[in-house]
Amino acid sequence: MRAPNANAVCERFLRSVRAECLDHVLVLGAAHLRSTLLSYCAYFNTARPHQGIGQQVPTGPPEAPCAGGSVEEIPVLGGLHHKYRRVA
């Protein structure tokens, strides 16, 4: 293979999908698998912090820190994971 690092990235992502998503969901068919994976990928790229990039999310600008206010919890994948955001 000409891109040896691509295998490592792919294997790491697939391990995350399996450990954080598919091991906890009973998949009922191809359409359910597709929607579950799309939802997990959106969470993975927009809400989940990544160690390799300094605990930042891959897409989207970082949220500006707010002084005060409460934190709102948004369930993802039926509550398997959660997004958090500060509410003024």
PDB file of N, CA and C in Angstrom:
ATOM      1  N   MET A   1       0.849  -1.182   0.000  1.00  0.00           N
ATOM      2  CA  MET A   1       0.000   0.000   0.000  1.00  0.00           C
ATOM      3  C   MET A   1       0.889   1.238   0.000  1.00  0.00           C
ATOM      4  N   ARG A   2       0.478   2.273  -0.673  1.00  0.00           N
ATOM      5  CA  ARG A   2       1.282   3.482  -0.807  1.00  0.00           C
ATOM      6  C   ARG A   2       1.049   4.508   0.287  1.00  0.00           C
ATOM      7  N   ALA A   3       0.027   4.350   1.093  1.00  0.00           N
ATOM      8  CA  ALA A   3      -0.272   5.294   2.175  1.00  0.00           C
ATOM      9  C   ALA A   3      -0.388   4.516   3.489  1.00  0.00           C
ATOM     10  N   PRO A   4       0.758   4.143   4.086  1.00  0.00           N
ATOM     11  CA  PRO A   4       0.693   3.297   5.278  1.00  0.00           C
ATOM     12  C   PRO A   4      -0.008   3.951   6.459  1.00  0.00           C
ATOM     13  N   ASN A   5       0.022   5.282   6.571  1.00  0.00           N
ATOM     14  CA  ASN A   5      -0.658   5.942   7.683  1.00  0.00           C
ATOM     15  C   ASN A   5      -2.169   5.921   7.528  1.00  0.00           C
ATOM     16  N   ALA A   6      -2.654   5.785   6.302  1.00  0.00           N
ATOM     17  CA  ALA A   6      -4.100   5.743   6.077  1.00  0.00           C
ATOM     18  C   ALA A   6      -4.709   4.522   6.755  1.00  0.00           C
ATOM     19  N   ASN A   7      -3.992   3.398   6.739  1.00  0.00           N
ATOM     20  CA  ASN A   7      -4.498   2.198   7.412  1.00  0.00           C
ATOM     21  C   ASN A   7      -4.663   2.441   8.903  1.00  0.00           C
ATOM     22  N   ALA A   8      -3.703   3.095   9.533  1.00  0.00           N
ATOM     23  CA  ALA A   8      -3.775   3.352  10.970  1.00  0.00           C
ATOM     24  C   ALA A   8      -4.956   4.261  11.304  1.00  0.00           C
ATOM     25  N   VAL A   9      -5.172   5.277  10.495  1.00  0.00           N
ATOM     26  CA  VAL A   9      -6.288   6.194  10.725  1.00  0.00           C
ATOM     27  C   VAL A   9      -7.609   5.453  10.569  1.00  0.00           C
ATOM     28  N   CYS A  10      -7.721   4.666   9.521  1.00  0.00           N
ATOM     29  CA  CYS A  10      -8.956   3.905   9.272  1.00  0.00           C
ATOM     30  C   CYS A  10      -9.211   2.904  10.389  1.00  0.00           C
ATOM     31  N   GLU A  11      -8.171   2.187  10.815  1.00  0.00           N
ATOM     32  CA  GLU A  11      -8.342   1.205  11.877  1.00  0.00           C
ATOM     33  C   GLU A  11      -8.750   1.870  13.184  1.00  0.00           C
ATOM     34  N   ARG A  12      -8.196   3.030  13.486  1.00  0.00           N
ATOM     35  CA  ARG A  12      -8.550   3.748  14.716  1.00  0.00           C
ATOM     36  C   ARG A  12     -10.009   4.193  14.679  1.00  0.00           C
ATOM     37  N   PHE A  13     -10.446   4.713  13.539  1.00  0.00           N
ATOM     38  CA  PHE A  13     -11.834   5.147  13.413  1.00  0.00           C
ATOM     39  C   PHE A  13     -12.790   3.959  13.537  1.00  0.00           C
ATOM     40  N   LEU A  14     -12.480   2.867  12.863  1.00  0.00           N
ATOM     41  CA  LEU A  14     -13.352   1.689  12.922  1.00  0.00           C
ATOM     42  C   LEU A  14     -13.412   1.104  14.327  1.00  0.00           C
ATOM     43  N   ARG A  15     -12.298   1.151  15.052  1.00  0.00           N
ATOM     44  CA  ARG A  15     -12.310   0.683  16.438  1.00  0.00           C
ATOM     45  C   ARG A  15     -13.209   1.584  17.294  1.00  0.00           C
ATOM     46  N   SER A  16     -13.158   2.901  17.042  1.00  0.00           N
ATOM     47  CA  SER A  16     -14.027   3.826  17.772  1.00  0.00           C
ATOM     48  C   SER A  16     -15.494   3.560  17.450  1.00  0.00           C
ATOM     49  N   VAL A  17     -15.812   3.350  16.184  1.00  0.00           N
ATOM     50  CA  VAL A  17     -17.201   3.071  15.786  1.00  0.00           C
ATOM     51  C   VAL A  17     -17.701   1.820  16.495  1.00  0.00           C
ATOM     52  N   ARG A  18     -16.882   0.797  16.500  1.00  0.00           N
ATOM     53  CA  ARG A  18     -17.319  -0.447  17.115  1.00  0.00           C
ATOM     54  C   ARG A  18     -17.459  -0.322  18.632  1.00  0.00           C
ATOM     55  N   ALA A  19     -16.433   0.228  19.294  1.00  0.00           N
ATOM     56  CA  ALA A  19     -16.442   0.288  20.754  1.00  0.00           C
ATOM     57  C   ALA A  19     -17.456   1.288  21.297  1.00  0.00           C
ATOM     58  N   GLU A  20     -17.618   2.422  20.631  1.00  0.00           N
ATOM     59  CA  GLU A  20     -18.475   3.484  21.155  1.00  0.00           C
ATOM     60  C   GLU A  20     -19.891   3.462  20.603  1.00  0.00           C
ATOM     61  N   CYS A  21     -20.131   2.674  19.564  1.00  0.00           N
ATOM     62  CA  CYS A  21     -21.454   2.710  18.930  1.00  0.00           C
ATOM     63  C   CYS A  21     -22.027   1.308  18.721  1.00  0.00           C
ATOM     64  N   LEU A  22     -21.428   0.529  17.841  1.00  0.00           N
ATOM     65  CA  LEU A  22     -22.053  -0.721  17.407  1.00  0.00           C
ATOM     66  C   LEU A  22     -22.095  -1.797  18.485  1.00  0.00           C
ATOM     67  N   ASP A  23     -21.186  -1.763  19.458  1.00  0.00           N
ATOM     68  CA  ASP A  23     -21.240  -2.738  20.544  1.00  0.00           C
ATOM     69  C   ASP A  23     -22.415  -2.478  21.485  1.00  0.00           C
ATOM     70  N   HIS A  24     -23.057  -1.316  21.359  1.00  0.00           N
ATOM     71  CA  HIS A  24     -24.145  -0.940  22.266  1.00  0.00           C
ATOM     72  C   HIS A  24     -25.499  -0.799  21.574  1.00  0.00           C
ATOM     73  N   VAL A  25     -25.545  -1.065  20.271  1.00  0.00           N
ATOM     74  CA  VAL A  25     -26.779  -0.883  19.502  1.00  0.00           C
ATOM     75  C   VAL A  25     -27.143  -2.199  18.834  1.00  0.00           C
ATOM     76  N   LEU A  26     -28.396  -2.584  18.928  1.00  0.00           N
ATOM     77  CA  LEU A  26     -28.900  -3.755  18.219  1.00  0.00           C
ATOM     78  C   LEU A  26     -29.356  -3.280  16.841  1.00  0.00           C
ATOM     79  N   VAL A  27     -28.598  -3.632  15.824  1.00  0.00           N
ATOM     80  CA  VAL A  27     -28.885  -3.179  14.461  1.00  0.00           C
ATOM     81  C   VAL A  27     -29.987  -4.050  13.866  1.00  0.00           C
ATOM     82  N   LEU A  28     -31.023  -3.397  13.338  1.00  0.00           N
ATOM     83  CA  LEU A  28     -32.207  -4.106  12.849  1.00  0.00           C
ATOM     84  C   LEU A  28     -32.264  -4.251  11.340  1.00  0.00           C
ATOM     85  N   GLY A  29     -31.283  -3.779  10.630  1.00  0.00           N
ATOM     86  CA  GLY A  29     -31.267  -3.907   9.174  1.00  0.00           C
ATOM     87  C   GLY A  29     -30.303  -2.919   8.564  1.00  0.00           C
ATOM     88  N   ALA A  30     -30.196  -2.973   7.246  1.00  0.00           N
ATOM     89  CA  ALA A  30     -29.244  -2.122   6.538  1.00  0.00           C
ATOM     90  C   ALA A  30     -29.581  -0.633   6.698  1.00  0.00           C
ATOM     91  N   ALA A  31     -30.855  -0.280   6.623  1.00  0.00           N
ATOM     92  CA  ALA A  31     -31.249   1.126   6.754  1.00  0.00           C
ATOM     93  C   ALA A  31     -30.968   1.638   8.170  1.00  0.00           C
ATOM     94  N   HIS A  32     -31.221   0.805   9.167  1.00  0.00           N
ATOM     95  CA  HIS A  32     -30.951   1.192  10.552  1.00  0.00           C
ATOM     96  C   HIS A  32     -29.445   1.347  10.778  1.00  0.00           C
ATOM     97  N   LEU A  33     -28.648   0.438  10.227  1.00  0.00           N
ATOM     98  CA  LEU A  33     -27.188   0.545  10.323  1.00  0.00           C
ATOM     99  C   LEU A  33     -26.702   1.829   9.673  1.00  0.00           C
ATOM    100  N   ARG A  34     -27.230   2.139   8.504  1.00  0.00           N
ATOM    101  CA  ARG A  34     -26.825   3.355   7.782  1.00  0.00           C
ATOM    102  C   ARG A  34     -27.151   4.609   8.596  1.00  0.00           C
ATOM    103  N   SER A  35     -28.349   4.689   9.147  1.00  0.00           N
ATOM    104  CA  SER A  35     -28.729   5.876   9.914  1.00  0.00           C
ATOM    105  C   SER A  35     -27.933   5.968  11.222  1.00  0.00           C
ATOM    106  N   THR A  36     -27.649   4.832  11.855  1.00  0.00           N
ATOM    107  CA  THR A  36     -26.841   4.821  13.068  1.00  0.00           C
ATOM    108  C   THR A  36     -25.431   5.304  12.779  1.00  0.00           C
ATOM    109  N   LEU A  37     -24.831   4.810  11.698  1.00  0.00           N
ATOM    110  CA  LEU A  37     -23.466   5.222  11.350  1.00  0.00           C
ATOM    111  C   LEU A  37     -23.406   6.689  10.941  1.00  0.00           C
ATOM    112  N   LEU A  38     -24.420   7.178  10.229  1.00  0.00           N
ATOM    113  CA  LEU A  38     -24.446   8.601   9.864  1.00  0.00           C
ATOM    114  C   LEU A  38     -24.550   9.480  11.103  1.00  0.00           C
ATOM    115  N   SER A  39     -25.382   9.082  12.039  1.00  0.00           N
ATOM    116  CA  SER A  39     -25.528   9.833  13.278  1.00  0.00           C
ATOM    117  C   SER A  39     -24.235   9.808  14.085  1.00  0.00           C
ATOM    118  N   TYR A  40     -23.586   8.639  14.168  1.00  0.00           N
ATOM    119  CA  TYR A  40     -22.330   8.539  14.914  1.00  0.00           C
ATOM    120  C   TYR A  40     -21.227   9.360  14.242  1.00  0.00           C
ATOM    121  N   CYS A  41     -21.155   9.317  12.926  1.00  0.00           N
ATOM    122  CA  CYS A  41     -20.130  10.094  12.212  1.00  0.00           C
ATOM    123  C   CYS A  41     -20.323  11.591  12.431  1.00  0.00           C
ATOM    124  N   ALA A  42     -21.557  12.046  12.438  1.00  0.00           N
ATOM    125  CA  ALA A  42     -21.822  13.462  12.710  1.00  0.00           C
ATOM    126  C   ALA A  42     -21.369  13.818  14.121  1.00  0.00           C
ATOM    127  N   TYR A  43     -21.673  12.958  15.091  1.00  0.00           N
ATOM    128  CA  TYR A  43     -21.225  13.179  16.474  1.00  0.00           C
ATOM    129  C   TYR A  43     -19.696  13.156  16.548  1.00  0.00           C
ATOM    130  N   PHE A  44     -19.077  12.191  15.888  1.00  0.00           N
ATOM    131  CA  PHE A  44     -17.617  12.007  15.917  1.00  0.00           C
ATOM    132  C   PHE A  44     -16.896  13.242  15.385  1.00  0.00           C
ATOM    133  N   ASN A  45     -17.444  13.872  14.350  1.00  0.00           N
ATOM    134  CA  ASN A  45     -16.767  15.003  13.716  1.00  0.00           C
ATOM    135  C   ASN A  45     -17.170  16.372  14.245  1.00  0.00           C
ATOM    136  N   THR A  46     -18.283  16.460  14.968  1.00  0.00           N
ATOM    137  CA  THR A  46     -18.731  17.790  15.397  1.00  0.00           C
ATOM    138  C   THR A  46     -18.819  17.966  16.904  1.00  0.00           C
ATOM    139  N   ALA A  47     -18.788  16.884  17.693  1.00  0.00           N
ATOM    140  CA  ALA A  47     -18.973  17.047  19.130  1.00  0.00           C
ATOM    141  C   ALA A  47     -17.948  16.308  19.976  1.00  0.00           C
ATOM    142  N   ARG A  48     -17.348  15.267  19.462  1.00  0.00           N
ATOM    143  CA  ARG A  48     -16.436  14.440  20.249  1.00  0.00           C
ATOM    144  C   ARG A  48     -15.026  15.028  20.216  1.00  0.00           C
ATOM    145  N   PRO A  49     -14.432  15.312  21.385  1.00  0.00           N
ATOM    146  CA  PRO A  49     -13.065  15.834  21.396  1.00  0.00           C
ATOM    147  C   PRO A  49     -12.062  14.740  21.011  1.00  0.00           C
ATOM    148  N   HIS A  50     -11.011  15.132  20.296  1.00  0.00           N
ATOM    149  CA  HIS A  50      -9.993  14.190  19.819  1.00  0.00           C
ATOM    150  C   HIS A  50      -8.656  14.505  20.474  1.00  0.00           C
ATOM    151  N   GLN A  51      -8.005  13.481  21.019  1.00  0.00           N
ATOM    152  CA  GLN A  51      -6.727  13.662  21.691  1.00  0.00           C
ATOM    153  C   GLN A  51      -5.651  14.189  20.757  1.00  0.00           C
ATOM    154  N   GLY A  52      -5.604  13.692  19.540  1.00  0.00           N
ATOM    155  CA  GLY A  52      -4.538  14.046  18.606  1.00  0.00           C
ATOM    156  C   GLY A  52      -4.536  15.504  18.190  1.00  0.00           C
ATOM    157  N   ILE A  53      -5.618  16.217  18.394  1.00  0.00           N
ATOM    158  CA  ILE A  53      -5.668  17.638  18.019  1.00  0.00           C
ATOM    159  C   ILE A  53      -5.960  18.510  19.232  1.00  0.00           C
ATOM    160  N   GLY A  54      -5.419  18.097  20.376  1.00  0.00           N
ATOM    161  CA  GLY A  54      -5.511  18.928  21.570  1.00  0.00           C
ATOM    162  C   GLY A  54      -6.893  19.027  22.165  1.00  0.00           C
ATOM    163  N   GLN A  55      -7.634  17.915  22.194  1.00  0.00           N
ATOM    164  CA  GLN A  55      -8.983  17.862  22.756  1.00  0.00           C
ATOM    165  C   GLN A  55      -9.952  18.830  22.069  1.00  0.00           C
ATOM    166  N   GLN A  56      -9.733  19.097  20.799  1.00  0.00           N
ATOM    167  CA  GLN A  56     -10.638  19.922  19.994  1.00  0.00           C
ATOM    168  C   GLN A  56     -11.484  19.005  19.128  1.00  0.00           C
ATOM    169  N   VAL A  57     -12.566  19.548  18.572  1.00  0.00           N
ATOM    170  CA  VAL A  57     -13.383  18.781  17.629  1.00  0.00           C
ATOM    171  C   VAL A  57     -12.869  19.050  16.218  1.00  0.00           C
ATOM    172  N   PRO A  58     -12.925  18.045  15.314  1.00  0.00           N
ATOM    173  CA  PRO A  58     -12.368  18.216  13.973  1.00  0.00           C
ATOM    174  C   PRO A  58     -13.023  19.310  13.135  1.00  0.00           C
ATOM    175  N   THR A  59     -14.338  19.486  13.244  1.00  0.00           N
ATOM    176  CA  THR A  59     -15.007  20.500  12.432  1.00  0.00           C
ATOM    177  C   THR A  59     -15.684  21.516  13.328  1.00  0.00           C
ATOM    178  N   GLY A  60     -15.875  22.673  12.792  1.00  0.00           N
ATOM    179  CA  GLY A  60     -16.562  23.717  13.531  1.00  0.00           C
ATOM    180  C   GLY A  60     -15.625  24.511  14.414  1.00  0.00           C
ATOM    181  N   PRO A  61     -15.931  25.780  14.583  1.00  0.00           N
ATOM    182  CA  PRO A  61     -15.095  26.619  15.430  1.00  0.00           C
ATOM    183  C   PRO A  61     -15.319  26.270  16.902  1.00  0.00           C
ATOM    184  N   PRO A  62     -14.295  26.436  17.737  1.00  0.00           N
ATOM    185  CA  PRO A  62     -14.499  26.173  19.152  1.00  0.00           C
ATOM    186  C   PRO A  62     -15.464  27.186  19.749  1.00  0.00           C
ATOM    187  N   GLU A  63     -16.237  26.726  20.716  1.00  0.00           N
ATOM    188  CA  GLU A  63     -17.192  27.613  21.381  1.00  0.00           C
ATOM    189  C   GLU A  63     -16.450  28.612  22.252  1.00  0.00           C
ATOM    190  N   ALA A  64     -16.904  29.847  22.217  1.00  0.00           N
ATOM    191  CA  ALA A  64     -16.310  30.859  23.079  1.00  0.00           C
ATOM    192  C   ALA A  64     -16.720  30.573  24.521  1.00  0.00           C
ATOM    193  N   PRO A  65     -15.766  30.638  25.451  1.00  0.00           N
ATOM    194  CA  PRO A  65     -16.137  30.369  26.840  1.00  0.00           C
ATOM    195  C   PRO A  65     -17.082  31.433  27.376  1.00  0.00           C
ATOM    196  N   CYS A  66     -18.084  31.007  28.103  1.00  0.00           N
ATOM    197  CA  CYS A  66     -19.058  31.915  28.706  1.00  0.00           C
ATOM    198  C   CYS A  66     -18.849  31.924  30.204  1.00  0.00           C
ATOM    199  N   ALA A  67     -18.986  33.086  30.766  1.00  0.00           N
ATOM    200  CA  ALA A  67     -18.927  33.185  32.221  1.00  0.00           C
ATOM    201  C   ALA A  67     -20.340  33.008  32.752  1.00  0.00           C
ATOM    202  N   GLY A  68     -20.568  31.986  33.524  1.00  0.00           N
ATOM    203  CA  GLY A  68     -21.897  31.743  34.077  1.00  0.00           C
ATOM    204  C   GLY A  68     -22.791  30.987  33.121  1.00  0.00           C
ATOM    205  N   GLY A  69     -24.027  30.866  33.494  1.00  0.00           N
ATOM    206  CA  GLY A  69     -24.983  30.124  32.678  1.00  0.00           C
ATOM    207  C   GLY A  69     -24.938  28.646  33.018  1.00  0.00           C
ATOM    208  N   SER A  70     -25.852  27.913  32.463  1.00  0.00           N
ATOM    209  CA  SER A  70     -25.898  26.479  32.730  1.00  0.00           C
ATOM    210  C   SER A  70     -25.483  25.705  31.486  1.00  0.00           C
ATOM    211  N   VAL A  71     -25.265  24.418  31.665  1.00  0.00           N
ATOM    212  CA  VAL A  71     -24.853  23.553  30.568  1.00  0.00           C
ATOM    213  C   VAL A  71     -26.043  22.703  30.147  1.00  0.00           C
ATOM    214  N   GLU A  72     -26.294  22.673  28.841  1.00  0.00           N
ATOM    215  CA  GLU A  72     -27.398  21.878  28.294  1.00  0.00           C
ATOM    216  C   GLU A  72     -26.832  20.581  27.721  1.00  0.00           C
ATOM    217  N   GLU A  73     -27.516  19.478  27.986  1.00  0.00           N
ATOM    218  CA  GLU A  73     -27.111  18.158  27.517  1.00  0.00           C
ATOM    219  C   GLU A  73     -28.023  17.759  26.354  1.00  0.00           C
ATOM    220  N   ILE A  74     -27.424  17.366  25.229  1.00  0.00           N
ATOM    221  CA  ILE A  74     -28.197  16.963  24.052  1.00  0.00           C
ATOM    222  C   ILE A  74     -27.882  15.499  23.760  1.00  0.00           C
ATOM    223  N   PRO A  75     -28.877  14.593  23.879  1.00  0.00           N
ATOM    224  CA  PRO A  75     -28.594  13.177  23.631  1.00  0.00           C
ATOM    225  C   PRO A  75     -28.327  12.893  22.154  1.00  0.00           C
ATOM    226  N   VAL A  76     -27.393  11.986  21.905  1.00  0.00           N
ATOM    227  CA  VAL A  76     -27.039  11.532  20.562  1.00  0.00           C
ATOM    228  C   VAL A  76     -27.190  10.018  20.549  1.00  0.00           C
ATOM    229  N   LEU A  77     -27.704   9.466  19.478  1.00  0.00           N
ATOM    230  CA  LEU A  77     -27.930   8.030  19.335  1.00  0.00           C
ATOM    231  C   LEU A  77     -28.797   7.484  20.466  1.00  0.00           C
ATOM    232  N   GLY A  78     -29.889   8.171  20.728  1.00  0.00           N
ATOM    233  CA  GLY A  78     -30.828   7.713  21.740  1.00  0.00           C
ATOM    234  C   GLY A  78     -30.289   7.786  23.160  1.00  0.00           C
ATOM    235  N   GLY A  79     -29.318   8.645  23.408  1.00  0.00           N
ATOM    236  CA  GLY A  79     -28.752   8.807  24.746  1.00  0.00           C
ATOM    237  C   GLY A  79     -27.479   8.029  24.971  1.00  0.00           C
ATOM    238  N   LEU A  80     -26.989   7.320  23.958  1.00  0.00           N
ATOM    239  CA  LEU A  80     -25.734   6.571  24.087  1.00  0.00           C
ATOM    240  C   LEU A  80     -24.563   7.529  24.316  1.00  0.00           C
ATOM    241  N   HIS A  81     -24.584   8.664  23.632  1.00  0.00           N
ATOM    242  CA  HIS A  81     -23.590   9.723  23.807  1.00  0.00           C
ATOM    243  C   HIS A  81     -24.341  11.034  24.015  1.00  0.00           C
ATOM    244  N   HIS A  82     -23.629  12.065  24.418  1.00  0.00           N
ATOM    245  CA  HIS A  82     -24.248  13.361  24.631  1.00  0.00           C
ATOM    246  C   HIS A  82     -23.359  14.470  24.110  1.00  0.00           C
ATOM    247  N   LYS A  83     -23.996  15.516  23.581  1.00  0.00           N
ATOM    248  CA  LYS A  83     -23.323  16.759  23.245  1.00  0.00           C
ATOM    249  C   LYS A  83     -23.634  17.712  24.394  1.00  0.00           C
ATOM    250  N   TYR A  84     -22.725  18.615  24.655  1.00  0.00           N
ATOM    251  CA  TYR A  84     -22.940  19.600  25.709  1.00  0.00           C
ATOM    252  C   TYR A  84     -22.706  20.983  25.145  1.00  0.00           C
ATOM    253  N   ARG A  85     -23.527  21.933  25.566  1.00  0.00           N
ATOM    254  CA  ARG A  85     -23.312  23.315  25.184  1.00  0.00           C
ATOM    255  C   ARG A  85     -23.769  24.227  26.300  1.00  0.00           C
ATOM    256  N   ARG A  86     -23.144  25.372  26.367  1.00  0.00           N
ATOM    257  CA  ARG A  86     -23.461  26.325  27.420  1.00  0.00           C
ATOM    258  C   ARG A  86     -24.655  27.163  27.008  1.00  0.00           C
ATOM    259  N   VAL A  87     -25.586  27.324  27.928  1.00  0.00           N
ATOM    260  CA  VAL A  87     -26.794  28.103  27.693  1.00  0.00           C
ATOM    261  C   VAL A  87     -26.703  29.359  28.533  1.00  0.00           C
ATOM    262  N   ALA A  88     -26.928  30.506  27.884  1.00  0.00           N
ATOM    263  CA  ALA A  88     -26.828  31.779  28.601  1.00  0.00           C
ATOM    264  C   ALA A  88     -28.016  32.022  29.491  1.00  0.00           C
TER     265      ALA A  88
END
